[in-house]
Amino acid sequence: MDFTDGMQQASLPLGLSFGLAADKNALDNYSNLTEYEKEKLIAESKSVKSKDEMQQLIQRISDGESMM
């Protein structure tokens, strides 16, 4: 059985997913972004090379500075 039938495949990188799950404010801010802004953040998160860089990205989202 295909549980993704009719649904888009999840496209969030694992590190970004975990980071958003661990920071409610970041998750709330992320959910309020436009699809374009989300796509840009996803692309940025794919170029992250370390845990520290991902934490900095999550902190920017949490602070509402993700698109600056």
PDB file of N, CA and C in Angstrom:
ATOM      1  N   MET A   1       0.847  -1.182   0.000  1.00  0.00           N
ATOM      2  CA  MET A   1       0.000   0.000   0.000  1.00  0.00           C
ATOM      3  C   MET A   1       0.889   1.241   0.000  1.00  0.00           C
ATOM      4  N   ASP A   2       0.524   2.223  -0.792  1.00  0.00           N
ATOM      5  CA  ASP A   2       1.288   3.469  -0.898  1.00  0.00           C
ATOM      6  C   ASP A   2       0.652   4.530  -0.011  1.00  0.00           C
ATOM      7  N   PHE A   3       1.332   4.873   1.075  1.00  0.00           N
ATOM      8  CA  PHE A   3       0.791   5.857   2.013  1.00  0.00           C
ATOM      9  C   PHE A   3       0.991   7.291   1.536  1.00  0.00           C
ATOM     10  N   THR A   4       1.756   7.491   0.465  1.00  0.00           N
ATOM     11  CA  THR A   4       1.973   8.837  -0.055  1.00  0.00           C
ATOM     12  C   THR A   4       1.016   9.166  -1.191  1.00  0.00           C
ATOM     13  N   ASP A   5       0.087   8.267  -1.473  1.00  0.00           N
ATOM     14  CA  ASP A   5      -0.857   8.462  -2.565  1.00  0.00           C
ATOM     15  C   ASP A   5      -1.586   9.797  -2.411  1.00  0.00           C
ATOM     16  N   GLY A   6      -1.406  10.660  -3.392  1.00  0.00           N
ATOM     17  CA  GLY A   6      -2.070  11.951  -3.364  1.00  0.00           C
ATOM     18  C   GLY A   6      -1.379  13.007  -2.527  1.00  0.00           C
ATOM     19  N   MET A   7      -0.242  12.658  -1.954  1.00  0.00           N
ATOM     20  CA  MET A   7       0.491  13.618  -1.122  1.00  0.00           C
ATOM     21  C   MET A   7       1.853  13.881  -1.752  1.00  0.00           C
ATOM     22  N   GLN A   8       2.350  15.079  -1.575  1.00  0.00           N
ATOM     23  CA  GLN A   8       3.689  15.387  -2.040  1.00  0.00           C
ATOM     24  C   GLN A   8       4.688  14.683  -1.144  1.00  0.00           C
ATOM     25  N   GLN A   9       5.773  14.240  -1.758  1.00  0.00           N
ATOM     26  CA  GLN A   9       6.822  13.607  -0.976  1.00  0.00           C
ATOM     27  C   GLN A   9       7.503  14.661  -0.111  1.00  0.00           C
ATOM     28  N   ALA A  10       7.817  14.296   1.124  1.00  0.00           N
ATOM     29  CA  ALA A  10       8.496  15.225   2.029  1.00  0.00           C
ATOM     30  C   ALA A  10       9.811  15.647   1.418  1.00  0.00           C
ATOM     31  N   SER A  11      10.085  16.946   1.437  1.00  0.00           N
ATOM     32  CA  SER A  11      11.300  17.434   0.801  1.00  0.00           C
ATOM     33  C   SER A  11      12.218  18.146   1.785  1.00  0.00           C
ATOM     34  N   LEU A  12      11.891  18.113   3.069  1.00  0.00           N
ATOM     35  CA  LEU A  12      12.751  18.757   4.055  1.00  0.00           C
ATOM     36  C   LEU A  12      13.953  17.874   4.360  1.00  0.00           C
ATOM     37  N   PRO A  13      15.146  18.443   4.295  1.00  0.00           N
ATOM     38  CA  PRO A  13      16.323  17.682   4.723  1.00  0.00           C
ATOM     39  C   PRO A  13      16.195  17.286   6.191  1.00  0.00           C
ATOM     40  N   LEU A  14      16.785  16.167   6.553  1.00  0.00           N
ATOM     41  CA  LEU A  14      16.652  15.619   7.895  1.00  0.00           C
ATOM     42  C   LEU A  14      17.091  16.608   8.974  1.00  0.00           C
ATOM     43  N   GLY A  15      18.228  17.264   8.788  1.00  0.00           N
ATOM     44  CA  GLY A  15      18.727  18.213   9.781  1.00  0.00           C
ATOM     45  C   GLY A  15      17.768  19.374  10.000  1.00  0.00           C
ATOM     46  N   LEU A  16      17.195  19.857   8.927  1.00  0.00           N
ATOM     47  CA  LEU A  16      16.227  20.956   9.029  1.00  0.00           C
ATOM     48  C   LEU A  16      14.964  20.476   9.744  1.00  0.00           C
ATOM     49  N   SER A  17      14.510  19.288   9.400  1.00  0.00           N
ATOM     50  CA  SER A  17      13.325  18.725  10.055  1.00  0.00           C
ATOM     51  C   SER A  17      13.531  18.592  11.556  1.00  0.00           C
ATOM     52  N   PHE A  18      14.668  18.013  11.950  1.00  0.00           N
ATOM     53  CA  PHE A  18      14.954  17.846  13.374  1.00  0.00           C
ATOM     54  C   PHE A  18      15.079  19.189  14.076  1.00  0.00           C
ATOM     55  N   GLY A  19      15.740  20.135  13.417  1.00  0.00           N
ATOM     56  CA  GLY A  19      15.920  21.452  14.017  1.00  0.00           C
ATOM     57  C   GLY A  19      14.601  22.168  14.240  1.00  0.00           C
ATOM     58  N   LEU A  20      13.706  22.089  13.270  1.00  0.00           N
ATOM     59  CA  LEU A  20      12.399  22.720  13.410  1.00  0.00           C
ATOM     60  C   LEU A  20      11.569  22.030  14.488  1.00  0.00           C
ATOM     61  N   ALA A  21      11.686  20.694  14.550  1.00  0.00           N
ATOM     62  CA  ALA A  21      10.932  19.944  15.562  1.00  0.00           C
ATOM     63  C   ALA A  21      11.397  20.284  16.973  1.00  0.00           C
ATOM     64  N   ALA A  22      12.655  20.650  17.107  1.00  0.00           N
ATOM     65  CA  ALA A  22      13.216  20.938  18.427  1.00  0.00           C
ATOM     66  C   ALA A  22      12.994  22.379  18.871  1.00  0.00           C
ATOM     67  N   ASP A  23      12.542  23.237  17.964  1.00  0.00           N
ATOM     68  CA  ASP A  23      12.385  24.662  18.282  1.00  0.00           C
ATOM     69  C   ASP A  23      11.007  25.119  17.811  1.00  0.00           C
ATOM     70  N   LYS A  24      10.060  25.190  18.735  1.00  0.00           N
ATOM     71  CA  LYS A  24       8.681  25.537  18.378  1.00  0.00           C
ATOM     72  C   LYS A  24       8.582  26.902  17.698  1.00  0.00           C
ATOM     73  N   ASN A  25       9.351  27.869  18.165  1.00  0.00           N
ATOM     74  CA  ASN A  25       9.310  29.195  17.563  1.00  0.00           C
ATOM     75  C   ASN A  25       9.798  29.143  16.112  1.00  0.00           C
ATOM     76  N   ALA A  26      10.849  28.378  15.867  1.00  0.00           N
ATOM     77  CA  ALA A  26      11.349  28.227  14.495  1.00  0.00           C
ATOM     78  C   ALA A  26      10.297  27.555  13.624  1.00  0.00           C
ATOM     79  N   LEU A  27       9.652  26.528  14.163  1.00  0.00           N
ATOM     80  CA  LEU A  27       8.610  25.836  13.404  1.00  0.00           C
ATOM     81  C   LEU A  27       7.452  26.766  13.088  1.00  0.00           C
ATOM     82  N   ASP A  28       7.027  27.550  14.068  1.00  0.00           N
ATOM     83  CA  ASP A  28       5.944  28.507  13.838  1.00  0.00           C
ATOM     84  C   ASP A  28       6.332  29.527  12.773  1.00  0.00           C
ATOM     85  N   ASN A  29       7.549  30.068  12.873  1.00  0.00           N
ATOM     86  CA  ASN A  29       8.006  31.050  11.891  1.00  0.00           C
ATOM     87  C   ASN A  29       8.124  30.423  10.504  1.00  0.00           C
ATOM     88  N   TYR A  30       8.643  29.199  10.439  1.00  0.00           N
ATOM     89  CA  TYR A  30       8.774  28.505   9.158  1.00  0.00           C
ATOM     90  C   TYR A  30       7.400  28.301   8.516  1.00  0.00           C
ATOM     91  N   SER A  31       6.425  27.920   9.318  1.00  0.00           N
ATOM     92  CA  SER A  31       5.090  27.651   8.768  1.00  0.00           C
ATOM     93  C   SER A  31       4.429  28.916   8.226  1.00  0.00           C
ATOM     94  N   ASN A  32       4.873  30.082   8.681  1.00  0.00           N
ATOM     95  CA  ASN A  32       4.301  31.339   8.203  1.00  0.00           C
ATOM     96  C   ASN A  32       5.008  31.902   6.972  1.00  0.00           C
ATOM     97  N   LEU A  33       6.067  31.235   6.516  1.00  0.00           N
ATOM     98  CA  LEU A  33       6.783  31.699   5.333  1.00  0.00           C
ATOM     99  C   LEU A  33       6.003  31.366   4.067  1.00  0.00           C
ATOM    100  N   THR A  34       6.278  32.104   3.009  1.00  0.00           N
ATOM    101  CA  THR A  34       5.695  31.778   1.713  1.00  0.00           C
ATOM    102  C   THR A  34       6.384  30.528   1.171  1.00  0.00           C
ATOM    103  N   GLU A  35       5.780  29.904   0.179  1.00  0.00           N
ATOM    104  CA  GLU A  35       6.392  28.707  -0.429  1.00  0.00           C
ATOM    105  C   GLU A  35       7.762  29.044  -1.014  1.00  0.00           C
ATOM    106  N   TYR A  36       7.889  30.226  -1.598  1.00  0.00           N
ATOM    107  CA  TYR A  36       9.173  30.650  -2.159  1.00  0.00           C
ATOM    108  C   TYR A  36      10.231  30.749  -1.066  1.00  0.00           C
ATOM    109  N   GLU A  37       9.879  31.361   0.061  1.00  0.00           N
ATOM    110  CA  GLU A  37      10.824  31.497   1.171  1.00  0.00           C
ATOM    111  C   GLU A  37      11.208  30.128   1.733  1.00  0.00           C
ATOM    112  N   LYS A  38      10.238  29.238   1.835  1.00  0.00           N
ATOM    113  CA  LYS A  38      10.525  27.884   2.304  1.00  0.00           C
ATOM    114  C   LYS A  38      11.494  27.178   1.362  1.00  0.00           C
ATOM    115  N   GLU A  39      11.264  27.299   0.057  1.00  0.00           N
ATOM    116  CA  GLU A  39      12.138  26.660  -0.922  1.00  0.00           C
ATOM    117  C   GLU A  39      13.565  27.195  -0.815  1.00  0.00           C
ATOM    118  N   LYS A  40      13.705  28.498  -0.602  1.00  0.00           N
ATOM    119  CA  LYS A  40      15.038  29.084  -0.446  1.00  0.00           C
ATOM    120  C   LYS A  40      15.729  28.542   0.807  1.00  0.00           C
ATOM    121  N   LEU A  41      14.995  28.426   1.901  1.00  0.00           N
ATOM    122  CA  LEU A  41      15.576  27.888   3.134  1.00  0.00           C
ATOM    123  C   LEU A  41      15.958  26.421   2.973  1.00  0.00           C
ATOM    124  N   ILE A  42      15.123  25.653   2.296  1.00  0.00           N
ATOM    125  CA  ILE A  42      15.436  24.248   2.060  1.00  0.00           C
ATOM    126  C   ILE A  42      16.718  24.140   1.237  1.00  0.00           C
ATOM    127  N   ALA A  43      16.831  24.960   0.196  1.00  0.00           N
ATOM    128  CA  ALA A  43      18.043  24.951  -0.619  1.00  0.00           C
ATOM    129  C   ALA A  43      19.259  25.338   0.211  1.00  0.00           C
ATOM    130  N   GLU A  44      19.107  26.342   1.058  1.00  0.00           N
ATOM    131  CA  GLU A  44      20.208  26.766   1.914  1.00  0.00           C
ATOM    132  C   GLU A  44      20.597  25.650   2.882  1.00  0.00           C
ATOM    133  N   SER A  45      19.598  24.975   3.430  1.00  0.00           N
ATOM    134  CA  SER A  45      19.887  23.911   4.402  1.00  0.00           C
ATOM    135  C   SER A  45      20.624  22.737   3.758  1.00  0.00           C
ATOM    136  N   LYS A  46      20.422  22.538   2.466  1.00  0.00           N
ATOM    137  CA  LYS A  46      21.112  21.449   1.772  1.00  0.00           C
ATOM    138  C   LYS A  46      22.593  21.730   1.586  1.00  0.00           C
ATOM    139  N   SER A  47      22.993  22.984   1.721  1.00  0.00           N
ATOM    140  CA  SER A  47      24.410  23.330   1.568  1.00  0.00           C
ATOM    141  C   SER A  47      25.133  23.419   2.914  1.00  0.00           C
ATOM    142  N   VAL A  48      24.402  23.201   3.999  1.00  0.00           N
ATOM    143  CA  VAL A  48      24.993  23.247   5.345  1.00  0.00           C
ATOM    144  C   VAL A  48      25.995  22.099   5.490  1.00  0.00           C
ATOM    145  N   LYS A  49      27.159  22.422   6.065  1.00  0.00           N
ATOM    146  CA  LYS A  49      28.235  21.438   6.167  1.00  0.00           C
ATOM    147  C   LYS A  49      28.463  20.904   7.572  1.00  0.00           C
ATOM    148  N   SER A  50      27.815  21.506   8.578  1.00  0.00           N
ATOM    149  CA  SER A  50      28.065  21.056   9.953  1.00  0.00           C
ATOM    150  C   SER A  50      26.815  21.245  10.809  1.00  0.00           C
ATOM    151  N   LYS A  51      26.829  20.590  11.949  1.00  0.00           N
ATOM    152  CA  LYS A  51      25.736  20.730  12.907  1.00  0.00           C
ATOM    153  C   LYS A  51      25.632  22.178  13.377  1.00  0.00           C
ATOM    154  N   ASP A  52      26.773  22.823  13.585  1.00  0.00           N
ATOM    155  CA  ASP A  52      26.790  24.210  14.040  1.00  0.00           C
ATOM    156  C   ASP A  52      26.122  25.132  13.019  1.00  0.00           C
ATOM    157  N   GLU A  53      26.422  24.924  11.749  1.00  0.00           N
ATOM    158  CA  GLU A  53      25.797  25.738  10.698  1.00  0.00           C
ATOM    159  C   GLU A  53      24.285  25.528  10.681  1.00  0.00           C
ATOM    160  N   MET A  54      23.839  24.282  10.871  1.00  0.00           N
ATOM    161  CA  MET A  54      22.401  24.008  10.878  1.00  0.00           C
ATOM    162  C   MET A  54      21.756  24.675  12.088  1.00  0.00           C
ATOM    163  N   GLN A  55      22.414  24.635  13.229  1.00  0.00           N
ATOM    164  CA  GLN A  55      21.875  25.286  14.419  1.00  0.00           C
ATOM    165  C   GLN A  55      21.766  26.793  14.207  1.00  0.00           C
ATOM    166  N   GLN A  56      22.737  27.374  13.508  1.00  0.00           N
ATOM    167  CA  GLN A  56      22.675  28.809  13.205  1.00  0.00           C
ATOM    168  C   GLN A  56      21.494  29.116  12.281  1.00  0.00           C
ATOM    169  N   LEU A  57      21.262  28.254  11.308  1.00  0.00           N
ATOM    170  CA  LEU A  57      20.129  28.447  10.396  1.00  0.00           C
ATOM    171  C   LEU A  57      18.806  28.347  11.164  1.00  0.00           C
ATOM    172  N   ILE A  58      18.687  27.343  12.022  1.00  0.00           N
ATOM    173  CA  ILE A  58      17.472  27.183  12.824  1.00  0.00           C
ATOM    174  C   ILE A  58      17.279  28.393  13.732  1.00  0.00           C
ATOM    175  N   GLN A  59      18.358  28.902  14.301  1.00  0.00           N
ATOM    176  CA  GLN A  59      18.270  30.090  15.173  1.00  0.00           C
ATOM    177  C   GLN A  59      17.786  31.301  14.388  1.00  0.00           C
ATOM    178  N   ARG A  60      18.276  31.473  13.158  1.00  0.00           N
ATOM    179  CA  ARG A  60      17.810  32.573  12.310  1.00  0.00           C
ATOM    180  C   ARG A  60      16.312  32.451  12.041  1.00  0.00           C
ATOM    181  N   ILE A  61      15.858  31.233  11.761  1.00  0.00           N
ATOM    182  CA  ILE A  61      14.422  31.022  11.531  1.00  0.00           C
ATOM    183  C   ILE A  61      13.652  31.346  12.799  1.00  0.00           C
ATOM    184  N   SER A  62      14.141  30.869  13.936  1.00  0.00           N
ATOM    185  CA  SER A  62      13.484  31.107  15.220  1.00  0.00           C
ATOM    186  C   SER A  62      13.398  32.595  15.533  1.00  0.00           C
ATOM    187  N   ASP A  63      14.453  33.335  15.183  1.00  0.00           N
ATOM    188  CA  ASP A  63      14.494  34.773  15.443  1.00  0.00           C
ATOM    189  C   ASP A  63      13.710  35.571  14.396  1.00  0.00           C
ATOM    190  N   GLY A  64      13.203  34.903  13.379  1.00  0.00           N
ATOM    191  CA  GLY A  64      12.471  35.595  12.316  1.00  0.00           C
ATOM    192  C   GLY A  64      13.365  36.294  11.324  1.00  0.00           C
ATOM    193  N   GLU A  65      14.642  35.898  11.288  1.00  0.00           N
ATOM    194  CA  GLU A  65      15.619  36.539  10.409  1.00  0.00           C
ATOM    195  C   GLU A  65      15.976  35.654   9.222  1.00  0.00           C
ATOM    196  N   SER A  66      15.169  34.678   8.937  1.00  0.00           N
ATOM    197  CA  SER A  66      15.521  33.670   7.944  1.00  0.00           C
ATOM    198  C   SER A  66      15.651  34.215   6.526  1.00  0.00           C
ATOM    199  N   MET A  67      14.955  35.284   6.200  1.00  0.00           N
ATOM    200  CA  MET A  67      15.011  35.779   4.833  1.00  0.00           C
ATOM    201  C   MET A  67      15.748  37.088   4.691  1.00  0.00           C
ATOM    202  N   MET A  68      16.600  37.383   5.636  1.00  0.00           N
ATOM    203  CA  MET A  68      17.379  38.622   5.573  1.00  0.00           C
ATOM    204  C   MET A  68      18.647  38.413   4.789  1.00  0.00           C
TER     205      MET A  68
END
